[in-house]
Protein backbone atom coordinates (compact mmCIF):
# COMPACT_ATOMS: atom_id res chain seq x y z
CA MET A 1 16.10 185.60 24.76
CA GLY A 2 13.09 186.23 22.25
CA THR A 3 9.92 187.84 23.52
CA ARG A 4 6.58 185.50 24.67
CA VAL A 5 3.59 186.51 22.82
CA ARG A 6 0.03 185.59 25.34
CA GLN A 7 -1.70 183.37 23.52
CA THR A 8 -5.30 184.37 24.77
CA ARG A 9 -7.32 181.06 24.29
CA PRO A 10 -10.41 181.52 21.57
CA ARG A 11 -14.01 181.02 23.20
CA PRO A 12 -15.31 177.43 22.53
CA LEU A 13 -17.23 177.45 19.20
CA ARG A 14 -20.13 175.66 21.70
CA ASN A 15 -20.53 178.43 23.75
CA ARG A 16 -20.76 181.31 20.84
CA SER A 17 -22.99 179.70 19.41
CA VAL A 18 -25.43 179.51 22.45
CA THR A 19 -25.37 183.07 23.03
CA ASP A 20 -25.58 183.91 19.66
CA LEU A 21 -28.73 182.29 19.36
CA ALA A 22 -29.78 183.55 23.15
CA LEU A 23 -29.43 187.17 21.66
CA VAL A 24 -31.30 186.44 18.31
CA ALA A 25 -34.29 185.46 21.26
CA PHE A 26 -33.32 188.45 23.32
CA TRP A 27 -34.06 190.60 19.97
CA THR A 28 -37.20 189.36 18.86
CA GLY A 29 -38.55 189.24 22.08
CA LEU A 30 -37.76 192.54 22.61
CA LEU A 31 -38.82 193.69 19.16
CA TRP A 32 -42.32 191.98 19.54
CA VAL A 33 -43.03 193.46 22.91
CA ALA A 34 -42.16 196.96 21.58
CA TYR A 35 -44.03 196.54 18.78
CA THR A 36 -47.65 195.42 20.43
CA TYR A 37 -47.43 197.64 22.76
CA ALA A 38 -45.96 200.91 21.27
CA GLY A 39 -44.82 200.18 17.19
CA TYR A 40 -48.38 199.34 16.55
CA PRO A 41 -50.19 202.77 18.33
CA ILE A 42 -47.08 204.57 16.23
CA LEU A 43 -48.12 202.91 13.02
CA LEU A 44 -51.60 204.08 13.37
CA TRP A 45 -50.31 207.94 14.33
CA LEU A 46 -48.13 207.61 10.92
CA ILE A 47 -51.04 206.43 8.85
CA GLY A 48 -53.43 208.79 10.65
CA LEU A 49 -50.95 211.69 8.96
CA VAL A 50 -51.91 211.04 5.78
CA SER A 51 -55.29 208.50 5.74
CA ARG A 52 -58.00 209.36 7.80
CA VAL A 53 -61.99 209.99 8.39
CA ARG A 54 -63.46 212.88 9.48
CA PRO A 55 -65.45 212.30 13.14
CA GLU A 56 -68.59 213.89 12.53
CA SER A 57 -71.74 213.52 14.70
CA TRP A 58 -75.00 214.86 15.01
CA ASP A 59 -76.45 215.37 17.75
CA ASP A 60 -80.21 216.21 16.29
CA PHE A 61 -80.13 212.67 14.40
CA LEU A 62 -82.04 210.25 16.57
CA PRO A 63 -83.24 207.06 15.19
CA SER A 64 -85.44 204.82 16.90
CA VAL A 65 -82.58 202.59 18.73
CA SER A 66 -83.64 198.89 20.26
CA VAL A 67 -81.28 197.91 23.25
CA LEU A 68 -80.72 194.25 23.05
CA ILE A 69 -79.86 192.44 26.13
CA SER A 70 -78.53 189.12 26.65
CA ALA A 71 -79.11 187.74 30.39
CA ARG A 72 -78.34 184.66 32.50
CA ASN A 73 -79.20 184.57 35.72
CA GLU A 74 -79.00 188.45 36.51
CA GLU A 75 -81.36 189.02 39.37
CA GLN A 76 -79.04 191.42 41.03
CA ASP A 77 -78.87 193.70 37.87
CA ILE A 78 -81.67 193.37 35.38
CA GLY A 79 -84.11 195.54 37.54
CA TRP A 80 -81.75 198.53 37.71
CA LYS A 81 -80.27 197.84 34.06
CA VAL A 82 -83.62 197.99 32.76
CA ALA A 83 -84.74 201.31 34.49
CA GLU A 84 -81.66 203.28 33.93
CA THR A 85 -81.48 202.16 30.31
CA LEU A 86 -85.33 203.75 30.09
CA ALA A 87 -84.21 206.36 31.72
CA TRP A 88 -81.69 207.30 28.87
CA ASP A 89 -81.53 211.36 27.41
CA TYR A 90 -83.46 210.31 24.74
CA PRO A 91 -87.22 210.29 22.90
CA PRO A 92 -88.87 207.52 24.68
CA GLU A 93 -91.12 206.92 21.39
CA ARG A 94 -87.55 206.57 19.90
CA LEU A 95 -86.45 203.69 22.51
CA ASP A 96 -87.62 200.07 23.72
CA VAL A 97 -85.56 197.64 25.74
CA LEU A 98 -85.56 193.74 24.64
CA VAL A 99 -84.42 191.38 27.39
CA ALA A 100 -83.25 187.49 26.53
CA SER A 101 -83.70 185.05 29.49
CA ASP A 102 -81.03 182.24 28.62
CA ALA A 103 -82.65 179.65 30.61
CA SER A 104 -82.29 181.78 33.68
CA GLU A 105 -83.08 179.87 36.94
CA ASP A 106 -83.05 182.81 39.33
CA ARG A 107 -85.61 185.54 39.46
CA THR A 108 -84.76 187.06 36.26
CA ASP A 109 -87.77 186.68 33.82
CA GLU A 110 -89.67 187.67 37.13
CA ILE A 111 -88.18 191.20 37.72
CA VAL A 112 -88.42 192.30 33.80
CA GLN A 113 -92.15 190.79 33.64
CA ALA A 114 -92.73 193.21 36.35
CA ILE A 115 -91.57 196.41 35.15
CA GLU A 116 -94.75 198.06 33.57
CA ASP A 117 -93.46 199.78 30.47
CA PRO A 118 -94.32 198.82 26.90
CA ARG A 119 -91.07 199.00 26.16
CA VAL A 120 -89.93 196.51 27.31
CA MET A 121 -89.53 192.66 25.77
CA LEU A 122 -88.96 189.78 27.94
CA VAL A 123 -88.28 186.91 25.56
CA ARG A 124 -87.68 183.37 27.61
CA MET A 125 -85.16 181.00 25.71
CA GLU A 126 -86.20 177.63 27.28
CA LYS A 127 -82.99 175.85 26.56
CA ARG A 128 -79.86 177.63 26.95
CA GLY A 129 -77.76 178.05 23.88
CA GLY A 130 -75.84 181.26 25.20
CA LYS A 131 -74.75 185.19 24.24
CA GLY A 132 -74.90 184.16 20.60
CA ARG A 133 -77.85 182.07 20.02
CA ALA A 134 -80.02 184.75 22.56
CA LEU A 135 -78.95 187.92 20.44
CA ASN A 136 -79.88 186.58 16.96
CA ARG A 137 -83.15 185.66 18.20
CA LEU A 138 -83.46 189.41 19.76
CA ALA A 139 -82.33 190.85 16.41
CA GLU A 140 -84.86 188.85 14.45
CA LEU A 141 -87.78 190.87 17.37
CA ALA A 142 -86.50 194.05 17.45
CA HIS A 143 -88.02 197.35 14.96
CA GLY A 144 -85.55 199.82 15.81
CA GLU A 145 -83.29 200.95 13.11
CA VAL A 146 -80.60 200.91 15.49
CA LEU A 147 -79.34 197.87 17.52
CA PHE A 148 -77.58 198.63 20.76
CA PHE A 149 -75.70 195.86 22.43
CA THR A 150 -74.59 196.07 26.27
CA ASP A 151 -75.04 193.66 29.37
CA ALA A 152 -77.04 193.01 31.82
CA ASN A 153 -74.50 194.91 34.60
CA ALA A 154 -73.25 197.62 32.79
CA HIS A 155 -74.03 200.93 33.78
CA ILE A 156 -73.94 203.85 30.71
CA ALA A 157 -74.12 207.58 31.16
CA PRO A 158 -77.94 209.14 29.62
CA HIS A 159 -76.22 211.03 26.95
CA CYS A 160 -74.27 208.00 25.84
CA LEU A 161 -76.72 206.60 22.95
CA SER A 162 -77.67 209.94 21.54
CA ARG A 163 -73.72 210.60 21.42
CA MET A 164 -73.23 207.04 19.73
CA VAL A 165 -76.03 207.27 16.96
CA GLY A 166 -75.26 210.50 15.48
CA HIS A 167 -72.76 208.90 13.44
CA PHE A 168 -74.63 206.93 12.15
CA ALA A 169 -76.21 210.46 9.88
CA ASN A 170 -73.12 209.33 7.88
CA PRO A 171 -74.33 206.51 5.70
CA LYS A 172 -70.64 205.29 5.57
CA VAL A 173 -70.62 204.71 9.50
CA GLY A 174 -72.00 201.02 10.26
CA CYS A 175 -70.61 200.56 13.64
CA VAL A 176 -69.95 202.67 16.47
CA THR A 177 -68.66 201.70 20.29
CA GLY A 178 -67.59 203.11 23.27
CA HIS A 179 -65.10 202.13 25.72
CA SER A 180 -64.90 200.33 29.52
CA TYR A 181 -64.35 202.08 32.31
CA SER A 182 -62.97 200.28 35.66
CA GLY A 183 -64.14 202.52 38.24
CA LEU A 184 -66.22 199.80 39.97
CA ALA A 185 -63.40 197.63 40.54
CA GLU A 186 -62.24 199.22 44.19
CA GLY A 187 -60.46 196.79 46.03
CA SER A 188 -60.15 194.55 43.45
CA PRO A 189 -56.70 192.50 43.51
CA VAL A 190 -56.08 192.19 39.53
CA ALA A 191 -58.62 195.26 38.37
CA GLU A 192 -56.91 198.06 40.33
CA THR A 193 -53.61 199.07 38.59
CA GLY A 194 -53.17 196.48 36.21
CA THR A 195 -56.74 196.97 34.48
CA VAL A 196 -56.27 200.61 34.83
CA VAL A 197 -53.00 200.38 32.57
CA TYR A 198 -54.62 197.51 29.98
CA TRP A 199 -57.68 199.76 29.29
CA GLY A 200 -55.62 202.81 29.16
CA HIS A 201 -53.76 201.29 26.20
CA GLU A 202 -57.06 199.82 24.61
CA LEU A 203 -58.28 203.88 25.10
CA LEU A 204 -55.60 204.65 23.15
CA VAL A 205 -55.31 201.94 20.23
CA LYS A 206 -59.09 202.86 19.35
CA SER A 207 -58.95 206.63 19.56
CA LEU A 208 -56.17 206.01 16.77
CA GLU A 209 -57.59 203.02 14.74
CA SER A 210 -61.03 205.20 14.67
CA ARG A 211 -59.07 208.09 12.87
CA LEU A 212 -59.29 205.47 10.41
CA GLY A 213 -62.36 204.21 10.44
CA SER A 214 -61.07 200.98 11.33
CA VAL A 215 -61.61 199.80 14.47
CA LEU A 216 -60.99 196.49 14.97
CA ALA A 217 -63.12 195.52 17.99
CA CYS A 218 -65.71 196.58 20.16
CA ASP A 219 -66.64 197.03 23.70
CA GLY A 220 -69.48 193.75 23.70
CA ALA A 221 -70.97 196.20 27.17
CA ILE A 222 -71.24 199.31 24.78
CA PHE A 223 -71.99 199.54 21.01
CA CYS A 224 -74.45 199.81 18.37
CA ILE A 225 -75.35 199.25 14.60
CA PRO A 226 -77.43 199.68 12.09
CA ARG A 227 -80.38 197.17 12.45
CA SER A 228 -80.15 196.59 8.52
CA LEU A 229 -76.25 195.62 8.99
CA TYR A 230 -77.10 193.15 11.10
CA SER A 231 -76.45 189.25 10.15
CA PRO A 232 -76.87 186.46 12.71
CA VAL A 233 -73.61 185.83 14.46
CA SER A 234 -71.96 182.70 15.55
CA PRO A 235 -72.92 181.08 19.27
CA GLU A 236 -68.92 180.18 19.76
CA LEU A 237 -67.85 183.62 18.30
CA ALA A 238 -67.77 186.73 19.84
CA ASN A 239 -70.25 188.91 18.80
CA ASP A 240 -67.91 192.32 19.75
CA LEU A 241 -65.59 190.98 17.15
CA GLU A 242 -67.30 189.21 14.42
CA LEU A 243 -69.72 192.12 13.99
CA PRO A 244 -67.74 194.99 13.23
CA LEU A 245 -64.97 192.33 10.89
CA ARG A 246 -68.24 191.90 9.21
CA ILE A 247 -69.21 195.38 8.83
CA TYR A 248 -66.18 196.88 7.78
CA HIS A 249 -65.81 194.17 5.54
CA ALA A 250 -68.59 195.20 3.69
CA GLY A 251 -67.41 198.44 3.00
CA TYR A 252 -68.44 200.61 6.48
CA GLN A 253 -66.75 202.74 8.81
CA VAL A 254 -66.48 201.27 12.26
CA ARG A 255 -65.95 204.31 14.87
CA PHE A 256 -64.78 205.01 18.23
CA GLU A 257 -67.17 207.59 20.54
CA PRO A 258 -64.82 209.00 23.30
CA GLN A 259 -67.43 210.43 25.43
CA ALA A 260 -69.54 207.19 25.49
CA ARG A 261 -67.78 205.38 28.61
CA VAL A 262 -69.18 202.43 30.25
CA LEU A 263 -68.43 201.21 34.01
CA GLU A 264 -68.55 197.70 35.08
CA LYS A 265 -67.06 195.67 38.20
CA ASP A 266 -64.13 193.68 36.83
CA THR A 267 -62.73 190.37 37.47
CA VAL A 268 -62.22 190.11 41.21
CA SER A 269 -59.50 187.11 41.29
CA PRO A 270 -56.48 185.59 39.05
CA SER A 271 -58.43 182.61 38.64
CA GLN A 272 -61.42 184.52 36.99
CA GLU A 273 -59.05 186.88 35.10
CA PHE A 274 -57.57 183.57 33.48
CA SER A 275 -60.57 181.90 33.00
CA ARG A 276 -62.64 185.71 30.69
CA ARG A 277 -58.92 186.01 29.25
CA ARG A 278 -58.52 182.16 27.99
CA ARG A 279 -62.71 182.75 26.70
CA ILE A 280 -61.80 185.84 25.15
CA CYS A 281 -58.55 184.80 22.92
CA ALA A 282 -59.84 180.82 22.58
CA GLN A 283 -63.03 183.09 20.76
CA GLY A 284 -60.73 185.35 19.17
CA VAL A 285 -58.47 182.76 17.39
CA LEU A 286 -61.39 180.87 15.81
CA ALA A 287 -62.71 184.02 14.60
CA MET A 288 -59.45 184.72 13.03
CA ILE A 289 -60.16 180.96 11.24
CA ARG A 290 -63.83 181.34 9.86
CA LEU A 291 -63.29 185.13 9.57
CA GLN A 292 -60.43 184.93 7.50
CA ARG A 293 -61.79 186.53 4.11
CA THR A 294 -62.09 189.68 6.11
CA LEU A 295 -58.80 189.73 7.20
CA ARG A 296 -56.96 191.57 4.22
CA GLY A 297 -54.45 194.60 3.67
CA MET A 298 -54.92 196.72 6.56
CA ARG A 299 -57.26 194.65 8.45
CA ALA A 300 -55.07 191.93 8.27
CA ILE A 301 -52.09 194.09 9.53
CA GLN A 302 -54.40 195.05 12.51
CA PHE A 303 -55.70 192.24 13.62
CA LEU A 304 -51.83 190.11 13.45
CA SER A 305 -50.75 193.48 15.66
CA CYS A 306 -53.62 194.43 17.98
CA LYS A 307 -54.83 190.70 18.33
CA VAL A 308 -52.65 187.75 17.38
CA SER A 309 -49.26 189.31 18.91
CA ARG A 310 -50.87 190.13 22.11
CA TRP A 311 -52.66 186.60 22.34
CA LEU A 312 -49.24 185.26 22.23
CA THR A 313 -47.44 187.96 24.67
CA ALA A 314 -46.13 184.58 26.88
CA VAL A 315 -44.02 183.40 23.92
CA PRO A 316 -41.87 186.90 23.91
CA MET A 317 -41.97 187.18 27.75
CA ALA A 318 -40.25 183.41 27.55
CA LEU A 319 -37.65 184.60 25.06
CA LEU A 320 -36.38 186.88 26.88
CA LEU A 321 -36.53 185.52 30.19
CA LEU A 322 -34.60 182.39 28.66
CA SER A 323 -31.80 184.67 26.63
CA SER A 324 -31.22 186.66 29.63
CA ALA A 325 -30.76 183.60 31.82
CA ALA A 326 -28.51 182.09 28.68
CA MET A 327 -26.09 185.17 28.52
CA MET A 328 -25.84 185.93 32.88
CA HIS A 329 -22.27 186.31 31.72
CA ARG A 330 -22.62 189.65 30.89
CA PRO A 331 -23.25 191.79 33.48
CA PHE A 332 -26.05 193.64 31.58
CA PHE A 333 -28.33 190.21 31.30
CA ALA A 334 -27.44 189.60 34.70
CA ALA A 335 -28.97 192.46 35.79
CA LEU A 336 -31.97 192.40 33.21
CA PHE A 337 -32.60 188.75 34.74
CA ALA A 338 -32.98 189.99 37.94
CA LEU A 339 -35.27 192.15 37.07
CA GLN A 340 -37.37 190.02 34.91
CA ALA A 341 -37.68 187.36 37.95
CA ALA A 342 -38.40 190.22 40.45
CA PHE A 343 -40.95 190.23 38.55
CA TYR A 344 -42.31 186.83 38.16
CA ILE A 345 -41.72 186.46 42.31
CA ALA A 346 -43.69 189.55 42.47
CA ALA A 347 -46.54 188.08 40.11
CA VAL A 348 -46.83 184.86 41.92
CA ALA A 349 -46.74 186.73 45.67
CA GLY A 350 -49.76 188.44 44.17
CA VAL A 351 -51.73 185.07 43.47
CA ILE A 352 -50.89 184.35 46.81
CA GLN A 353 -52.05 187.48 48.86
CA ALA A 354 -55.13 187.11 46.52
CA ALA A 355 -55.73 183.46 47.97
CA ARG A 356 -55.19 184.68 51.15
CA THR A 357 -56.90 187.91 51.77
CA GLY A 358 -58.99 189.16 48.58
CA SER A 359 -56.75 191.82 48.21
CA VAL A 360 -53.40 192.69 46.14
CA ASN A 361 -50.59 195.38 47.21
CA LYS A 362 -50.60 197.74 44.48
CA LEU A 363 -46.96 197.20 43.51
CA LEU A 364 -47.98 193.43 42.52
CA SER A 365 -51.19 193.89 40.85
CA VAL A 366 -49.20 194.93 37.60
CA PRO A 367 -46.85 192.12 37.49
CA LEU A 368 -50.32 189.54 38.30
CA TYR A 369 -52.34 191.53 36.27
CA VAL A 370 -49.18 190.70 33.00
CA ALA A 371 -48.69 187.01 34.17
CA VAL A 372 -51.86 185.94 34.39
CA SER A 373 -53.46 187.85 31.14
CA SER A 374 -50.90 186.67 29.17
CA LEU A 375 -51.01 182.28 30.47
CA GLY A 376 -54.69 182.91 30.35
CA ALA A 377 -54.41 183.76 26.51
CA LEU A 378 -51.92 181.93 25.26
CA ALA A 379 -54.74 178.97 26.99
CA GLY A 380 -57.08 180.26 25.24
CA VAL A 381 -55.24 179.93 21.36
CA PHE A 382 -54.60 176.00 22.49
CA ASP A 383 -58.19 175.79 23.59
CA ALA A 384 -58.91 177.14 19.52
CA LEU A 385 -56.82 175.15 18.51
CA ARG A 386 -57.95 171.73 19.52
CA GLY A 387 -61.30 172.84 19.30
CA ARG A 388 -62.65 173.57 22.49
CA ARG A 389 -65.43 176.45 21.81
CA PHE A 390 -67.11 178.60 24.32
CA ASP A 391 -70.42 179.18 22.98
CA VAL A 392 -72.08 178.76 26.76
CA TRP A 393 -70.31 180.26 29.61
CA GLU A 394 -70.61 181.67 33.47
CA SER A 395 -70.08 184.99 33.93
CA PRO A 396 -68.03 185.28 37.43
CA ALA A 397 -70.50 185.46 40.23
CA LEU A 398 -68.39 188.69 42.06
CA THR A 399 -68.96 191.02 38.96
CA ARG A 400 -72.27 191.11 39.34
CA GLY A 401 -74.65 194.11 42.18
CA ILE A 402 -72.82 196.76 41.20
CA ARG A 403 -76.01 198.87 41.50
CA ASP A 404 -74.73 200.65 44.35
CA ARG A 405 -71.26 202.20 43.99
CA ALA A 406 -72.22 203.00 40.53
CA LEU A 407 -75.13 204.72 40.60
CA GLY A 408 -73.12 208.18 41.60
CA ALA A 409 -69.99 206.97 39.49
CA VAL A 410 -71.91 206.70 36.36
CA ARG A 411 -73.15 210.52 36.66
CA THR A 412 -69.38 211.72 36.38
CA LEU A 413 -68.74 209.90 32.81
């Protein structure tokens, strides 16, 4: 009697095609995320090995500086902000402060007018026009050789200005920025661990970009440019992205000064963070469309790597989740799906906890921050593509009124 050969049933072609498609989606999502948060910094580091600028700065280079502040209903902060700015470690005769009150409806105007210092100027905007229009008006009136941009709720240490303007002793430098420090976010549900991780990555990227003289975007609360390089900004774009793009395109370096840090109070709820991220990304997409002529060569690679890939982070996250679900018949992908499901459940739990108590456990803060910022960014992309504009917006009320906690912290910068 002949030996019976056991025949294995071939896997249905349909199941194989689904698995193959899921594998492609999985690797696409994984490589996308890996490049965005690890590959791009590595690329910058490698380029910096063969092509980098020398980070020169002269402490004795002290040009005249006009500090520009756009204020809308800033009665909680504008008083200490102006006083703190006037007290910076900089020659008083070379420093002035211009405040544009964007049709404020509170005591902002009254507080600024009460400051008895000839170096302070208040410009009242009778019709609300947004931050861009306010800054354009202030730039027209400024006399300083350098324009310094900051926000009404931003604490900046006394030494920062001299450290930043020292870079302009090199005529090749056209813009210098610092970075935000979220030390004022104590108790914030989204800003505690999640924001620390985000700003840590931002600090790394800016440092690596600065080695090339090619920082892509500035921190809106702390950056400066020579007045001769200022051109009116679009009210619908973020000035801290538009100006460095245009200045670099004109042939100047954009640098990062690591010793210049700004303390700001972060958003304190998931909804506030979602709205903030939505606005920032919508303005960024619009800038990409309108300023595409400034995005050539390495600058285009930077923008796609640092901005576009981040704005669309929700896409690879979805690819990873769905592809893992489609391949749960394999133990590895089943475990991976379980981890991702736990991550998103933690994000939802964080939202619920924030809504109920106003704070979030640290274990939940990272999933919460990642989910909220990713979805907010994706919403901003769709907003820009369907024509929604953010030339005027309201700053979250709870990011104001930070003076008491900040006075001690700012001395440690």
